[in-house]
């Protein structure tokens, strides 16, 4: 049997498929992290997708309680798709998309698909139940196709907002905003779109607010590559809602494997988690019994109109100093810190990172299972932070102003770092995950 490449300090499924993080929330002293799951197929094409569930108090120790949201109703027959959670009156509320594909000769864009927005509840987070539909196909505006999904609930100025991702009849991506005072009756407000089309579908929308400034985070599908921009098949990024959406759009993460980020707010701190994967790629993962993982939880902040990301201190501050130098060998669970450099040349086994003439390059050609290079133009490299796990790397440039997240597969038991500049290195604590069910 070959390597399974299981990660040391990331959340991943015991078996089967994982994609979008869902339902991020804090309830009764614990953070709840749900995700799209298909336990009987590592390819994600087995039974209808439900929601897997982790919970934690410290982001190091976790309980894996299994499938919390099982697609058990006719209006979600083909999957309990992505959505979100909100706490109201000490009650956990969940909103998500129920997917139903009709049998027949349909394109499943303009006909043949039910995309129901569902409201459900849970007593403790381990089981999502008491489900009912709040929006059927007929309830959406006429400009919508059968691709309306991923409801995210945001609390704003005493009301609840729901933002939904949309593909319009003109094959243009946008988002829709609804408002409610009680999570039961919803009023359509308006469409969020750019003056010029930005792809044909905006998936997984979310709204982040900082000091009165609001940003729409989403995953536009259909952006055409422009130089070093939009190198992935599907992008992820954000707009400043008070600005020019087309001109203000910025990619959030430039790596091979980052999609569907979702945020939650606790005590004024915004935490972001993304799917460490991407749909419809021409590269793969040699993990036969399981597929994909979630990113490290990140603190999200705004600075001069840019969204900044950093690994949450519950993890970063528990890393243990292991030395400094230009070459070292360690277990594959490390954090590396690099200072400013005009020219950078770093290798972690077969991962190759360079910076010269304002161009930052991540080269996975030797270990990427089809992944080649990703690029980023930056004026100056002020610092770089890298979290390298058994089969993942998360790179934070210039204090998190830019990030790159990717999987890699080199087959080595150890991590050898070689650099043209001195770095500091730290060991990252291993996640402890207690499984509360039998497979």
Protein backbone atom coordinates (compact mmCIF):
# COMPACT_ATOMS: atom_id res chain seq x y z
CA UNK A 1 0.00 0.00 0.00
CA UNK A 2 1.32 3.46 -0.89
CA UNK A 3 1.50 6.55 1.27
CA UNK A 4 -1.77 8.03 2.46
CA UNK A 5 -0.32 11.55 2.89
CA UNK A 6 -2.54 12.25 5.89
CA UNK A 7 -1.96 15.64 7.44
CA UNK A 8 -0.64 16.35 10.93
CA UNK A 9 -2.33 19.66 11.72
CA UNK A 10 -5.25 20.08 9.35
CA UNK A 11 -8.83 18.82 9.39
CA UNK A 12 -9.59 16.08 6.86
CA UNK A 13 -12.11 13.25 6.53
CA UNK A 14 -11.48 9.83 8.07
CA UNK A 15 -12.49 8.45 4.69
CA UNK A 16 -14.31 9.68 1.63
CA UNK A 17 -14.68 13.16 0.25
CA UNK A 18 -14.52 16.64 1.81
CA UNK A 19 -15.18 20.03 0.24
CA UNK A 20 -16.65 23.41 1.28
CA UNK A 21 -16.60 24.41 4.95
CA UNK A 22 -20.17 25.06 6.12
CA UNK A 23 -22.00 26.34 9.17
CA UNK A 24 -19.06 27.90 11.02
CA UNK A 25 -20.27 29.10 14.42
CA UNK A 26 -19.59 29.26 18.16
CA UNK A 27 -22.15 27.66 20.47
CA UNK A 28 -22.04 26.72 24.17
CA UNK A 29 -18.27 27.11 24.50
CA UNK A 30 -17.30 25.29 21.31
CA UNK A 31 -16.47 26.22 17.73
CA UNK A 32 -18.44 24.14 15.21
CA UNK A 33 -16.92 23.42 11.80
CA UNK A 34 -19.11 21.63 9.25
CA UNK A 35 -18.11 20.60 5.74
CA UNK A 36 -19.48 19.00 2.59
CA UNK A 37 -18.99 15.24 2.95
CA UNK A 38 -19.46 12.04 0.98
CA UNK A 39 -18.21 9.25 3.23
CA UNK A 40 -18.66 6.35 0.81
CA UNK A 41 -16.68 7.80 -2.10
CA UNK A 42 -13.27 9.46 -2.14
CA UNK A 43 -14.23 10.82 -5.56
CA UNK A 44 -17.29 12.56 -4.12
CA UNK A 45 -19.70 10.75 -6.43
CA UNK A 46 -21.23 8.18 -4.09
CA UNK A 47 -24.30 8.85 -1.97
CA UNK A 48 -25.81 12.34 -1.75
CA UNK A 49 -23.58 14.82 0.05
CA UNK A 50 -24.30 15.77 3.63
CA UNK A 51 -22.47 17.80 6.27
CA UNK A 52 -19.63 16.35 8.32
CA UNK A 53 -18.96 17.93 11.70
CA UNK A 54 -15.99 18.83 13.88
CA UNK A 55 -16.11 20.79 17.11
CA UNK A 56 -13.31 22.26 19.20
CA UNK A 57 -12.61 24.55 22.13
CA UNK A 58 -8.99 25.39 21.30
CA UNK A 59 -8.37 24.60 17.58
CA UNK A 60 -5.92 21.84 18.58
CA UNK A 61 -8.22 19.21 20.12
CA UNK A 62 -11.28 18.22 18.07
CA UNK A 63 -14.23 15.88 18.16
CA UNK A 64 -15.35 14.36 14.86
CA UNK A 65 -19.03 13.53 15.38
CA UNK A 66 -19.71 12.21 11.88
CA UNK A 67 -22.48 13.33 9.52
CA UNK A 68 -24.62 15.98 11.21
CA UNK A 69 -26.76 16.91 8.22
CA UNK A 70 -28.11 13.89 6.34
CA UNK A 71 -30.15 14.66 3.17
CA UNK A 72 -33.27 12.93 4.46
CA UNK A 73 -36.09 14.96 2.88
CA UNK A 74 -37.46 14.93 -0.71
CA UNK A 75 -36.48 18.60 -1.16
CA UNK A 76 -32.79 17.71 -0.63
CA UNK A 77 -32.82 14.29 -2.26
CA UNK A 78 -29.57 14.75 -4.18
CA UNK A 79 -27.61 16.57 -1.53
CA UNK A 80 -27.58 18.92 1.44
CA UNK A 81 -25.34 21.48 -0.23
CA UNK A 82 -23.42 24.37 1.27
CA UNK A 83 -24.78 26.84 3.77
CA UNK A 84 -24.26 28.55 7.10
CA UNK A 85 -25.30 28.76 10.74
CA UNK A 86 -26.45 31.52 13.07
CA UNK A 87 -27.30 31.51 16.78
CA UNK A 88 -30.55 33.21 17.84
CA UNK A 89 -32.12 33.00 21.31
CA UNK A 90 -29.69 30.22 22.27
CA UNK A 91 -30.89 28.15 19.29
CA UNK A 92 -28.73 26.91 16.40
CA UNK A 93 -30.26 27.80 13.03
CA UNK A 94 -28.94 26.44 9.74
CA UNK A 95 -29.56 27.62 6.18
CA UNK A 96 -28.38 25.66 3.16
CA UNK A 97 -29.21 24.54 -0.38
CA UNK A 98 -31.23 21.39 -0.96
CA UNK A 99 -30.34 19.92 -4.34
CA UNK A 100 -32.75 17.87 -6.46
CA UNK A 101 -31.89 16.83 -10.03
CA UNK A 102 -34.84 15.73 -12.13
CA UNK A 103 -34.45 12.82 -14.52
CA UNK A 104 -34.62 13.79 -18.17
CA UNK A 105 -32.89 15.66 -20.97
CA UNK A 106 -32.03 18.85 -19.09
CA UNK A 107 -29.06 21.20 -19.07
CA UNK A 108 -29.53 21.60 -15.27
CA UNK A 109 -28.79 25.30 -15.65
CA UNK A 110 -32.08 26.63 -16.99
CA UNK A 111 -34.20 23.57 -16.20
CA UNK A 112 -34.15 20.22 -14.45
CA UNK A 113 -32.83 21.24 -11.03
CA UNK A 114 -34.51 22.25 -7.79
CA UNK A 115 -32.32 24.57 -5.75
CA UNK A 116 -34.22 24.92 -2.51
CA UNK A 117 -33.10 27.21 0.31
CA UNK A 118 -33.69 25.30 3.54
CA UNK A 119 -33.98 26.42 7.17
CA UNK A 120 -33.19 23.80 9.85
CA UNK A 121 -32.33 23.54 13.54
CA UNK A 122 -30.14 21.63 15.95
CA UNK A 123 -30.23 21.13 19.71
CA UNK A 124 -26.49 20.60 20.14
CA UNK A 125 -24.89 20.80 16.70
CA UNK A 126 -24.43 17.05 16.29
CA UNK A 127 -27.70 16.51 14.40
CA UNK A 128 -29.41 19.00 12.08
CA UNK A 129 -33.17 18.40 11.83
CA UNK A 130 -36.63 20.03 11.70
CA UNK A 131 -36.08 21.11 8.10
CA UNK A 132 -38.35 23.21 5.91
CA UNK A 133 -38.01 25.08 2.62
CA UNK A 134 -38.13 28.88 2.67
CA UNK A 135 -37.39 29.42 -1.05
CA UNK A 136 -38.38 27.11 -3.90
CA UNK A 137 -37.38 27.79 -7.52
CA UNK A 138 -40.51 29.86 -8.06
CA UNK A 139 -39.60 32.21 -5.21
CA UNK A 140 -36.38 33.58 -6.72
CA UNK A 141 -36.30 36.63 -9.02
CA UNK A 142 -36.87 35.98 -12.73
CA UNK A 143 -33.24 36.74 -13.63
CA UNK A 144 -32.07 33.58 -11.79
CA UNK A 145 -31.29 30.24 -13.41
CA UNK A 146 -31.42 26.96 -11.49
CA UNK A 147 -28.06 27.90 -10.00
CA UNK A 148 -28.88 29.76 -6.79
CA UNK A 149 -27.08 28.38 -3.75
CA UNK A 150 -24.86 28.69 -0.69
CA UNK A 151 -26.93 30.92 1.64
CA UNK A 152 -24.80 32.79 4.20
CA UNK A 153 -26.43 34.58 7.14
CA UNK A 154 -24.90 37.83 8.43
CA UNK A 155 -26.07 39.92 11.37
CA UNK A 156 -26.11 43.60 10.41
CA UNK A 157 -27.63 46.66 12.12
CA UNK A 158 -30.18 44.70 14.12
CA UNK A 159 -31.30 42.55 11.19
CA UNK A 160 -30.28 39.27 9.60
CA UNK A 161 -29.05 39.33 6.02
CA UNK A 162 -28.89 36.36 3.68
CA UNK A 163 -26.54 36.49 0.71
CA UNK A 164 -26.92 33.90 -2.07
CA UNK A 165 -24.72 33.08 -5.06
CA UNK A 166 -26.38 33.26 -8.49
CA UNK A 167 -25.91 32.43 -12.15
CA UNK A 168 -28.24 34.69 -14.14
CA UNK A 169 -30.20 33.91 -17.32
CA UNK A 170 -27.51 35.94 -19.15
CA UNK A 171 -24.78 33.66 -17.74
CA UNK A 172 -23.39 36.34 -15.47
CA UNK A 173 -22.39 35.83 -11.87
CA UNK A 174 -23.91 37.91 -9.09
CA UNK A 175 -25.17 37.72 -5.52
CA UNK A 176 -28.59 38.44 -4.02
CA UNK A 177 -29.29 40.00 -0.64
CA UNK A 178 -32.32 39.28 1.55
CA UNK A 179 -33.25 40.68 4.97
CA UNK A 180 -35.17 39.36 7.98
CA UNK A 181 -35.88 40.36 11.57
CA UNK A 182 -36.74 36.85 12.78
CA UNK A 183 -35.04 34.34 10.40
CA UNK A 184 -38.52 33.27 9.22
CA UNK A 185 -39.88 35.96 6.92
CA UNK A 186 -37.39 37.17 4.31
CA UNK A 187 -37.55 40.26 2.12
CA UNK A 188 -35.59 40.49 -1.13
CA UNK A 189 -33.43 43.64 -1.14
CA UNK A 190 -31.27 43.80 -4.24
CA UNK A 191 -28.80 42.19 -6.59
CA UNK A 192 -25.06 42.64 -6.08
CA UNK A 193 -23.25 42.67 -9.40
CA UNK A 194 -20.36 44.34 -11.17
CA UNK A 195 -20.76 46.82 -14.02
CA UNK A 196 -18.88 44.43 -16.29
CA UNK A 197 -19.42 40.65 -16.04
CA UNK A 198 -17.11 38.86 -13.60
CA UNK A 199 -17.61 35.23 -14.58
CA UNK A 200 -20.85 33.29 -15.05
CA UNK A 201 -21.45 32.18 -11.42
CA UNK A 202 -20.52 33.51 -7.97
CA UNK A 203 -20.33 30.64 -5.51
CA UNK A 204 -20.08 30.68 -1.71
CA UNK A 205 -20.72 34.40 -1.09
CA UNK A 206 -20.01 35.93 2.31
CA UNK A 207 -19.90 39.47 3.68
CA UNK A 208 -17.10 40.75 5.90
CA UNK A 209 -17.34 44.06 7.73
CA UNK A 210 -14.54 46.08 9.34
CA UNK A 211 -14.86 49.62 10.70
CA UNK A 212 -18.04 50.20 8.73
CA UNK A 213 -16.52 49.00 5.44
CA UNK A 214 -18.16 45.95 3.88
CA UNK A 215 -16.57 43.41 1.54
CA UNK A 216 -18.23 40.67 -0.50
CA UNK A 217 -16.17 37.48 -0.55
CA UNK A 218 -17.07 34.96 -3.25
CA UNK A 219 -15.75 32.46 -5.78
CA UNK A 220 -16.36 33.67 -9.35
CA UNK A 221 -16.45 30.90 -11.93
CA UNK A 222 -15.51 31.70 -15.50
CA UNK A 223 -12.85 34.40 -15.10
CA UNK A 224 -10.42 34.32 -18.01
CA UNK A 225 -6.71 34.24 -17.27
CA UNK A 226 -5.05 37.66 -17.61
CA UNK A 227 -1.27 37.50 -17.34
CA UNK A 228 -0.60 36.09 -13.87
CA UNK A 229 -4.15 36.80 -12.69
CA UNK A 230 -6.84 34.10 -12.48
CA UNK A 231 -4.47 31.19 -13.12
CA UNK A 232 -6.87 28.69 -11.52
CA UNK A 233 -9.92 27.26 -13.27
CA UNK A 234 -12.08 29.00 -10.62
CA UNK A 235 -10.98 32.00 -8.61
CA UNK A 236 -11.67 33.19 -5.08
CA UNK A 237 -11.66 36.83 -4.06
CA UNK A 238 -13.42 39.87 -2.70
CA UNK A 239 -15.00 43.19 -3.67
CA UNK A 240 -15.32 46.38 -1.64
CA UNK A 241 -19.11 46.79 -1.67
CA UNK A 242 -18.98 50.58 -1.68
CA UNK A 243 -16.54 50.67 -4.60
CA UNK A 244 -16.41 49.69 -8.26
CA UNK A 245 -16.83 45.93 -8.04
CA UNK A 246 -15.09 45.13 -11.31
CA UNK A 247 -12.10 47.40 -10.62
CA UNK A 248 -11.82 46.62 -6.90
CA UNK A 249 -11.88 42.82 -7.18
CA UNK A 250 -8.84 41.09 -5.66
CA UNK A 251 -7.95 37.41 -5.43
CA UNK A 252 -7.89 36.21 -1.84
CA UNK A 253 -5.54 33.22 -2.24
CA UNK A 254 -3.32 32.58 -5.26
CA UNK A 255 -2.43 28.92 -4.66
CA UNK A 256 -3.57 25.77 -6.45
CA UNK A 257 -5.91 24.60 -3.70
CA UNK A 258 -8.13 27.21 -2.08
CA UNK A 259 -11.87 27.65 -2.55
CA UNK A 260 -15.20 28.30 -0.81
CA UNK A 261 -13.91 30.29 2.19
CA UNK A 262 -16.40 30.98 4.97
CA UNK A 263 -16.09 33.31 7.95
CA UNK A 264 -17.49 33.43 11.47
CA UNK A 265 -17.31 36.24 14.03
CA UNK A 266 -16.69 35.65 17.74
CA UNK A 267 -16.00 38.47 20.23
CA UNK A 268 -15.10 40.88 17.43
CA UNK A 269 -12.63 38.47 15.80
CA UNK A 270 -13.32 37.15 12.30
CA UNK A 271 -12.10 33.62 11.57
CA UNK A 272 -11.86 32.31 8.00
CA UNK A 273 -11.59 28.67 6.92
CA UNK A 274 -11.35 27.56 3.30
CA UNK A 275 -11.53 24.31 1.41
CA UNK A 276 -8.02 23.15 0.56
CA UNK A 277 -9.13 21.95 -2.84
CA UNK A 278 -10.75 23.16 -6.04
CA UNK A 279 -13.43 21.78 -8.41
CA UNK A 280 -12.77 20.63 -11.98
CA UNK A 281 -8.96 20.76 -11.90
CA UNK A 282 -6.55 19.10 -14.30
CA UNK A 283 -4.38 18.00 -11.35
CA UNK A 284 -5.10 15.38 -8.71
CA UNK A 285 -4.39 13.99 -5.23
CA UNK A 286 -2.96 10.46 -4.76
CA UNK A 287 -4.94 9.86 -1.56
CA UNK A 288 -6.93 6.77 -2.47
CA UNK A 289 -9.32 6.45 0.48
CA UNK A 290 -9.84 10.15 1.22
CA UNK A 291 -9.81 13.46 -0.61
CA UNK A 292 -9.12 17.04 0.43
CA UNK A 293 -8.81 18.98 3.68
CA UNK A 294 -9.59 22.35 5.22
CA UNK A 295 -7.13 25.20 5.55
CA UNK A 296 -5.78 26.32 8.88
CA UNK A 297 -8.20 28.71 10.58
CA UNK A 298 -7.15 32.28 9.79
CA UNK A 299 -7.85 35.64 11.39
CA UNK A 300 -9.24 38.02 8.76
CA UNK A 301 -8.64 41.77 9.02
CA UNK A 302 -8.85 44.77 6.69
CA UNK A 303 -5.99 47.20 6.21
CA UNK A 304 -6.22 50.09 3.75
CA UNK A 305 -8.90 48.32 1.75
CA UNK A 306 -7.03 45.01 1.57
CA UNK A 307 -8.02 41.84 3.41
CA UNK A 308 -5.18 40.39 5.49
CA UNK A 309 -4.96 36.78 6.68
CA UNK A 310 -2.94 35.22 9.49
CA UNK A 311 -3.05 31.85 11.21
CA UNK A 312 -5.03 32.09 14.43
CA UNK A 313 -2.84 32.60 17.54
CA UNK A 314 -4.25 29.43 19.14
CA UNK A 315 -2.06 27.59 16.62
CA UNK A 316 0.68 30.10 15.74
CA UNK A 317 1.58 30.86 19.36
CA UNK A 318 1.80 27.17 20.22
CA UNK A 319 4.48 26.47 17.64
CA UNK A 320 7.84 25.60 19.25
CA UNK A 321 11.09 27.26 18.18
CA UNK A 322 13.39 24.69 16.54
CA UNK A 323 16.31 26.82 15.36
CA UNK A 324 17.44 29.09 12.56
CA UNK A 325 19.69 28.71 9.56
CA UNK A 326 19.72 28.12 5.84
CA UNK A 327 19.40 24.33 5.78
CA UNK A 328 17.64 21.86 8.08
CA UNK A 329 15.81 18.56 8.28
CA UNK A 330 12.66 18.15 10.37
CA UNK A 331 9.41 16.19 10.60
CA UNK A 332 6.76 17.36 8.14
CA UNK A 333 4.89 19.69 10.49
CA UNK A 334 6.82 22.94 10.37
CA UNK A 335 6.39 26.72 10.30
CA UNK A 336 9.10 28.87 8.68
CA UNK A 337 9.61 32.63 8.98
CA UNK A 338 11.65 34.62 6.45
CA UNK A 339 12.58 38.30 6.64
CA UNK A 340 12.67 40.78 3.76
CA UNK A 341 14.64 39.73 0.68
CA UNK A 342 15.31 41.23 -2.75
CA UNK A 343 15.98 37.75 -4.11
CA UNK A 344 14.63 34.57 -2.56
CA UNK A 345 15.31 30.94 -3.47
CA UNK A 346 13.83 28.33 -1.12
CA UNK A 347 13.17 24.62 -1.39
CA UNK A 348 11.13 22.38 0.88
CA UNK A 349 11.97 18.97 -0.55
CA UNK A 350 10.63 19.27 -4.14
CA UNK A 351 8.65 22.46 -3.47
CA UNK A 352 10.50 25.38 -5.04
CA UNK A 353 9.81 29.02 -4.14
CA UNK A 354 11.49 32.01 -5.77
CA UNK A 355 11.20 35.78 -5.69
CA UNK A 356 13.08 38.09 -8.07
CA UNK A 357 12.25 41.21 -10.07
CA UNK A 358 8.92 41.59 -8.24
CA UNK A 359 7.71 38.11 -9.29
CA UNK A 360 6.93 35.50 -6.64
CA UNK A 361 6.68 31.93 -7.96
CA UNK A 362 5.52 28.70 -6.35
CA UNK A 363 6.77 25.75 -8.41
CA UNK A 364 5.29 22.31 -7.71
CA UNK A 365 6.26 20.75 -11.03
CA UNK A 366 8.21 17.94 -9.33
CA UNK A 367 5.68 17.09 -6.63
CA UNK A 368 2.29 18.49 -7.63
CA UNK A 369 0.49 15.58 -9.33
CA UNK A 370 -0.12 17.87 -12.31
CA UNK A 371 0.30 21.16 -10.45
CA UNK A 372 2.92 23.32 -12.15
CA UNK A 373 3.48 26.98 -11.19
CA UNK A 374 1.51 29.81 -9.62
CA UNK A 375 2.69 33.41 -9.70
CA UNK A 376 2.15 36.68 -7.91
CA UNK A 377 3.49 40.14 -8.72
CA UNK A 378 4.40 42.10 -5.58
CA UNK A 379 6.36 45.34 -5.25
CA UNK A 380 8.56 44.12 -2.41
CA UNK A 381 8.91 40.98 -0.30
CA UNK A 382 8.80 42.22 3.29
CA UNK A 383 8.42 38.81 4.92
CA UNK A 384 7.20 35.27 4.25
CA UNK A 385 5.62 32.71 6.57
CA UNK A 386 5.16 29.09 5.47
CA UNK A 387 3.22 26.29 7.15
CA UNK A 388 4.35 22.98 5.65
CA UNK A 389 2.46 19.80 6.56
CA UNK A 390 2.71 16.23 5.25
CA UNK A 391 1.04 17.14 1.95
CA UNK A 392 0.10 20.83 2.15
CA UNK A 393 1.75 24.23 2.18
CA UNK A 394 0.18 27.55 3.19
CA UNK A 395 2.23 30.65 2.36
CA UNK A 396 1.58 34.10 3.87
CA UNK A 397 3.40 37.02 2.24
CA UNK A 398 3.90 40.49 3.69
CA UNK A 399 2.05 39.83 6.96
CA UNK A 400 -0.79 38.03 5.16
CA UNK A 401 -1.45 40.65 2.50
CA UNK A 402 -1.19 37.82 -0.04
CA UNK A 403 -1.49 34.05 0.44
CA UNK A 404 -0.92 30.84 -1.52
CA UNK A 405 -2.38 27.49 -0.45
CA UNK A 406 -1.54 24.22 -2.18
CA UNK A 407 -1.28 20.46 -1.81
CA UNK A 408 1.93 18.65 -2.76
CA UNK A 409 3.08 15.02 -2.77
CA UNK A 410 6.80 14.20 -2.61
CA UNK A 411 6.88 10.79 -0.92
CA UNK A 412 9.51 11.82 1.63
CA UNK A 413 9.32 11.01 5.34
CA UNK A 414 11.11 14.22 6.35
CA UNK A 415 11.13 17.87 5.37
CA UNK A 416 14.43 19.28 4.12
CA UNK A 417 14.57 23.06 3.87
CA UNK A 418 17.26 24.84 1.83
CA UNK A 419 17.35 28.62 1.43
CA UNK A 420 19.60 31.41 0.18
CA UNK A 421 18.58 33.49 3.23
CA UNK A 422 18.37 32.71 6.94
CA UNK A 423 15.03 31.63 8.34
CA UNK A 424 13.53 30.75 11.72
CA UNK A 425 11.75 27.44 12.11
CA UNK A 426 9.10 26.18 14.50
CA UNK A 427 7.38 22.83 15.05
CA UNK A 428 3.58 22.99 14.73
CA UNK A 429 1.49 21.03 17.27
CA UNK A 430 -0.27 17.96 15.93
CA UNK A 431 -4.07 18.08 15.93
CA UNK A 432 -5.78 15.60 18.25
CA UNK A 433 -9.04 14.39 16.70
CA UNK A 434 -11.36 12.10 18.64
CA UNK A 435 -13.78 10.18 16.46
CA UNK A 436 -17.23 9.71 18.01
CA UNK A 437 -18.62 7.13 15.57
CA UNK A 438 -17.84 3.90 13.78
CA UNK A 439 -17.21 3.88 10.04
